[in-house]
Protein backbone atom coordinates (compact mmCIF):
# COMPACT_ATOMS: atom_id res chain seq x y z
CA UNK A 1 24.82 -5.70 -3.05
CA UNK A 2 26.14 -4.94 0.09
CA UNK A 3 27.01 -6.23 3.84
CA UNK A 4 29.31 -9.92 4.17
CA UNK A 5 28.56 -12.46 6.56
CA UNK A 6 30.54 -10.09 9.56
CA UNK A 7 28.11 -6.96 8.32
CA UNK A 8 25.49 -8.80 8.06
CA UNK A 9 25.51 -9.82 11.78
CA UNK A 10 26.72 -7.40 13.02
CA UNK A 11 23.38 -5.20 11.21
CA UNK A 12 21.10 -7.24 13.14
CA UNK A 13 22.34 -6.90 16.27
CA UNK A 14 21.31 -3.45 16.02
CA UNK A 15 18.69 -3.35 14.19
CA UNK A 16 16.78 -6.39 15.58
CA UNK A 17 15.83 -4.61 19.29
CA UNK A 18 15.01 -1.63 17.55
CA UNK A 19 11.51 -3.48 15.99
CA UNK A 20 10.71 -6.03 18.60
CA UNK A 21 7.79 -3.66 19.30
CA UNK A 22 7.30 -4.01 15.77
CA UNK A 23 2.78 -4.19 15.74
CA UNK A 24 1.36 -7.34 14.73
CA UNK A 25 -0.19 -6.77 11.59
CA UNK A 26 3.04 -5.54 10.17
CA UNK A 27 6.54 -8.11 8.65
CA UNK A 28 9.69 -7.33 7.51
CA UNK A 29 11.63 -8.75 4.65
CA UNK A 30 15.48 -8.80 4.48
CA UNK A 31 16.96 -9.48 1.24
CA UNK A 32 20.40 -10.29 1.68
CA UNK A 33 23.43 -11.04 -0.42
CA UNK A 34 23.17 -14.91 -1.81
CA UNK A 35 26.28 -15.33 0.92
CA UNK A 36 24.80 -13.99 3.91
CA UNK A 37 21.55 -16.10 3.64
CA UNK A 38 23.02 -18.63 5.68
CA UNK A 39 23.97 -15.44 8.79
CA UNK A 40 20.78 -14.08 8.23
CA UNK A 41 18.98 -17.46 8.85
CA UNK A 42 20.42 -17.79 12.38
CA UNK A 43 19.38 -14.38 13.56
CA UNK A 44 16.16 -14.62 11.75
CA UNK A 45 13.39 -17.14 13.83
CA UNK A 46 10.89 -14.21 14.47
CA UNK A 47 6.95 -13.88 13.53
CA UNK A 48 7.67 -10.56 12.07
CA UNK A 49 10.87 -11.24 10.20
CA UNK A 50 11.28 -13.14 6.88
CA UNK A 51 14.45 -13.91 4.52
CA UNK A 52 13.92 -13.14 0.32
CA UNK A 53 16.29 -13.58 -2.12
CA UNK A 54 16.99 -11.10 -4.46
CA UNK A 55 16.41 -13.38 -7.56
CA UNK A 56 15.36 -17.13 -8.24
CA UNK A 57 16.08 -19.24 -11.71
CA UNK A 58 12.87 -21.00 -13.02
CA UNK A 59 14.97 -24.07 -12.82
CA UNK A 60 15.59 -26.50 -9.95
CA UNK A 61 18.91 -27.48 -10.96
CA UNK A 62 20.85 -27.55 -13.74
CA UNK A 63 23.91 -25.58 -16.50
CA UNK A 64 22.61 -22.14 -15.62
CA UNK A 65 25.77 -20.43 -13.84
CA UNK A 66 25.29 -17.08 -11.36
CA UNK A 67 21.76 -18.67 -11.28
CA UNK A 68 19.67 -19.98 -7.69
CA UNK A 69 16.93 -22.37 -7.41
CA UNK A 70 14.63 -22.79 -4.98
CA UNK A 71 15.69 -25.86 -3.00
CA UNK A 72 18.58 -23.91 -2.60
CA UNK A 73 17.00 -21.13 -1.01
CA UNK A 74 14.20 -22.93 1.19
CA UNK A 75 17.11 -24.44 2.75
CA UNK A 76 18.29 -21.50 4.38
CA UNK A 77 14.98 -20.39 5.39
CA UNK A 78 14.03 -18.13 2.34
CA UNK A 79 9.98 -17.39 1.99
CA UNK A 80 10.36 -14.80 -0.88
CA UNK A 81 11.85 -14.13 -3.92
CA UNK A 82 12.63 -11.06 -5.60
CA UNK A 83 12.28 -10.78 -9.61
CA UNK A 84 12.06 -8.38 -12.26
CA UNK A 85 13.92 -6.19 -9.89
CA UNK A 86 14.43 -2.81 -12.11
CA UNK A 87 18.59 -3.22 -11.79
CA UNK A 88 18.69 -7.18 -13.76
CA UNK A 89 15.89 -5.65 -16.35
CA UNK A 90 18.30 -2.33 -16.88
CA UNK A 91 21.77 -4.04 -16.47
CA UNK A 92 20.46 -7.75 -17.23
CA UNK A 93 18.12 -7.25 -20.03
CA UNK A 94 14.98 -9.10 -18.11
CA UNK A 95 12.38 -9.90 -20.25
CA UNK A 96 8.60 -10.39 -18.98
CA UNK A 97 9.04 -13.69 -20.25
CA UNK A 98 11.78 -14.19 -17.80
CA UNK A 99 10.64 -12.39 -15.44
CA UNK A 100 6.82 -14.38 -15.29
CA UNK A 101 8.86 -17.55 -15.12
CA UNK A 102 10.81 -16.80 -12.20
CA UNK A 103 7.51 -15.66 -9.92
CA UNK A 104 5.34 -18.44 -11.34
CA UNK A 105 8.41 -21.03 -10.19
CA UNK A 106 8.77 -19.11 -7.53
CA UNK A 107 5.30 -19.67 -6.18
CA UNK A 108 5.29 -23.78 -7.38
CA UNK A 109 7.95 -24.04 -5.24
CA UNK A 110 6.27 -22.37 -2.07
CA UNK A 111 8.03 -19.45 -1.86
CA UNK A 112 5.80 -15.59 -2.76
CA UNK A 113 7.08 -13.55 -5.40
CA UNK A 114 8.01 -10.09 -4.96
CA UNK A 115 7.59 -8.67 -8.37
CA UNK A 116 8.58 -5.78 -9.65
CA UNK A 117 7.21 -3.45 -12.16
CA UNK A 118 8.03 0.40 -13.21
CA UNK A 119 8.83 2.65 -16.17
CA UNK A 120 11.41 4.43 -17.34
CA UNK A 121 11.64 9.16 -16.84
CA UNK A 122 11.72 9.21 -20.52
CA UNK A 123 7.85 6.36 -20.61
CA UNK A 124 6.56 8.67 -18.10
CA UNK A 125 7.40 11.74 -19.90
CA UNK A 126 5.63 10.28 -22.89
CA UNK A 127 3.04 10.05 -21.10
CA UNK A 128 3.73 5.73 -20.51
CA UNK A 129 3.69 4.79 -17.75
CA UNK A 130 -0.12 3.59 -17.15
CA UNK A 131 1.43 1.28 -20.42
CA UNK A 132 3.55 0.53 -19.33
CA UNK A 133 2.68 -0.96 -15.69
CA UNK A 134 -0.19 -2.56 -17.90
CA UNK A 135 2.26 -4.22 -20.38
CA UNK A 136 4.65 -6.31 -17.47
CA UNK A 137 1.19 -6.63 -15.44
CA UNK A 138 -0.07 -8.40 -18.41
CA UNK A 139 2.96 -10.50 -18.90
CA UNK A 140 4.70 -10.97 -15.71
CA UNK A 141 2.28 -12.49 -13.55
CA UNK A 142 0.35 -14.26 -16.57
CA UNK A 143 -0.60 -17.86 -14.95
CA UNK A 144 0.69 -16.81 -11.24
CA UNK A 145 -1.76 -17.26 -8.20
CA UNK A 146 -2.87 -13.22 -6.72
CA UNK A 147 -3.21 -14.90 -3.17
CA UNK A 148 0.56 -15.96 -2.57
CA UNK A 149 2.03 -12.83 -4.39
CA UNK A 150 3.37 -9.65 -3.83
CA UNK A 151 3.26 -6.64 -6.94
CA UNK A 152 6.47 -3.96 -5.89
CA UNK A 153 5.77 -0.33 -8.31
CA UNK A 154 9.13 0.94 -8.36
CA UNK A 155 9.33 4.23 -10.73
CA UNK A 156 12.87 3.47 -12.09
CA UNK A 157 13.50 7.35 -12.16
CA UNK A 158 13.12 6.94 -8.58
CA UNK A 159 15.49 4.56 -7.56
CA UNK A 160 18.63 6.05 -6.14
CA UNK A 161 18.29 9.45 -7.08
CA UNK A 162 16.75 10.73 -4.37
CA UNK A 163 13.41 11.87 -5.97
CA UNK A 164 10.23 10.10 -4.91
CA UNK A 165 7.14 9.45 -6.88
CA UNK A 166 4.89 11.62 -5.42
CA UNK A 167 2.35 9.34 -2.61
CA UNK A 168 -0.78 10.08 -4.56
CA UNK A 169 0.20 9.39 -8.32
CA UNK A 170 2.06 6.16 -6.70
CA UNK A 171 -1.36 5.46 -5.34
CA UNK A 172 -3.01 5.64 -8.53
CA UNK A 173 -0.27 3.23 -10.38
CA UNK A 174 -0.48 0.92 -7.26
CA UNK A 175 -4.75 0.98 -7.72
CA UNK A 176 -4.03 0.52 -11.77
CA UNK A 177 -2.09 -2.98 -10.97
CA UNK A 178 -5.43 -4.02 -8.65
CA UNK A 179 -7.29 -3.75 -11.11
CA UNK A 180 -5.64 -5.78 -13.56
CA UNK A 181 -4.43 -7.99 -11.06
CA UNK A 182 -8.79 -8.28 -10.86
CA UNK A 183 -7.66 -9.25 -7.20
CA UNK A 184 -8.55 -7.08 -4.95
CA UNK A 185 -6.80 -8.28 -1.71
CA UNK A 186 -3.71 -8.79 -3.01
CA UNK A 187 -0.12 -6.78 -1.69
CA UNK A 188 1.24 -4.24 -3.44
CA UNK A 189 3.96 -2.05 -2.11
CA UNK A 190 5.74 0.37 -3.59
CA UNK A 191 9.78 1.26 -4.23
CA UNK A 192 11.72 4.37 -4.97
CA UNK A 193 13.65 6.94 -2.67
CA UNK A 194 11.85 5.07 0.19
CA UNK A 195 13.12 7.00 3.92
CA UNK A 196 12.33 7.70 7.20
CA UNK A 197 10.56 11.58 5.84
CA UNK A 198 8.45 10.14 3.47
CA UNK A 199 6.78 6.84 4.59
CA UNK A 200 4.42 8.12 6.98
CA UNK A 201 2.74 9.47 3.75
CA UNK A 202 2.76 6.79 1.75
CA UNK A 203 1.08 4.43 4.37
CA UNK A 204 -1.56 6.29 4.36
CA UNK A 205 -2.54 5.57 0.35
CA UNK A 206 -5.34 3.67 0.09
CA UNK A 207 -3.37 1.35 -2.52
CA UNK A 208 0.26 0.91 -1.09
CA UNK A 209 -0.07 -2.28 1.34
CA UNK A 210 4.09 -1.40 1.78
CA UNK A 211 6.98 -0.65 0.47
CA UNK A 212 10.40 -2.11 -0.95
CA UNK A 213 13.06 0.00 0.68
CA UNK A 214 16.62 0.67 -1.17
CA UNK A 215 19.41 2.97 0.34
CA UNK A 216 17.55 3.72 3.47
CA UNK A 217 17.20 -0.09 4.42
CA UNK A 218 21.26 -0.20 4.92
CA UNK A 219 21.14 1.89 7.79
CA UNK A 220 19.31 -0.06 10.90
CA UNK A 221 18.47 3.10 12.49
CA UNK A 222 16.94 4.19 9.56
CA UNK A 223 15.21 0.58 8.41
CA UNK A 224 13.58 0.62 11.55
CA UNK A 225 11.95 4.38 11.85
CA UNK A 226 10.89 2.93 8.11
CA UNK A 227 9.12 -0.36 9.57
CA UNK A 228 7.90 1.58 12.77
CA UNK A 229 6.09 4.21 10.94
CA UNK A 230 2.86 5.82 12.66
């Protein structure tokens, strides 16, 4: 929940020149607040930059106050939708069943869902991380098309805390997710205190295909360093 339309415009005017030489094999996707999507859309006519929504509903329209439907997003050139982020899970009790309905409907509407999974610190300390991730993948991704899917592993204990999951540990979980899905080419990201000073190590891992960036994306210079990792 950051940036007005005016702030979004200023951000993009700073950010776009910093990523103009990004390698051809990379894609940057930004998920602004719903109010700023149309502002962002007017800047995003680039092969390497797309728009995501921060959530999506499983119905086209209806009495679902505070939700947003695919057709409302597609009208503004949105290509991706984040579902199951740790904050809706934590603050609004999002269930795996709801997350699955959002992901399935996003795909059927022509969008690519970015489905987030991750364990709490308590679950990790009890040795339950693999079990929790397995449940979230099996229930949250049921009946989805793995060829039009991004999964983001974001350990809840590493989000906004400054703590980062060790790259090798994150890679191990991402490998587990890939095996559970059973589609080797599925795109799997890591999210959780991703910063300019750890991006190179994270992206050197064999089963991490990208990153879901939080606080570091709010500064255009920091985010451009992440996008231009070596």
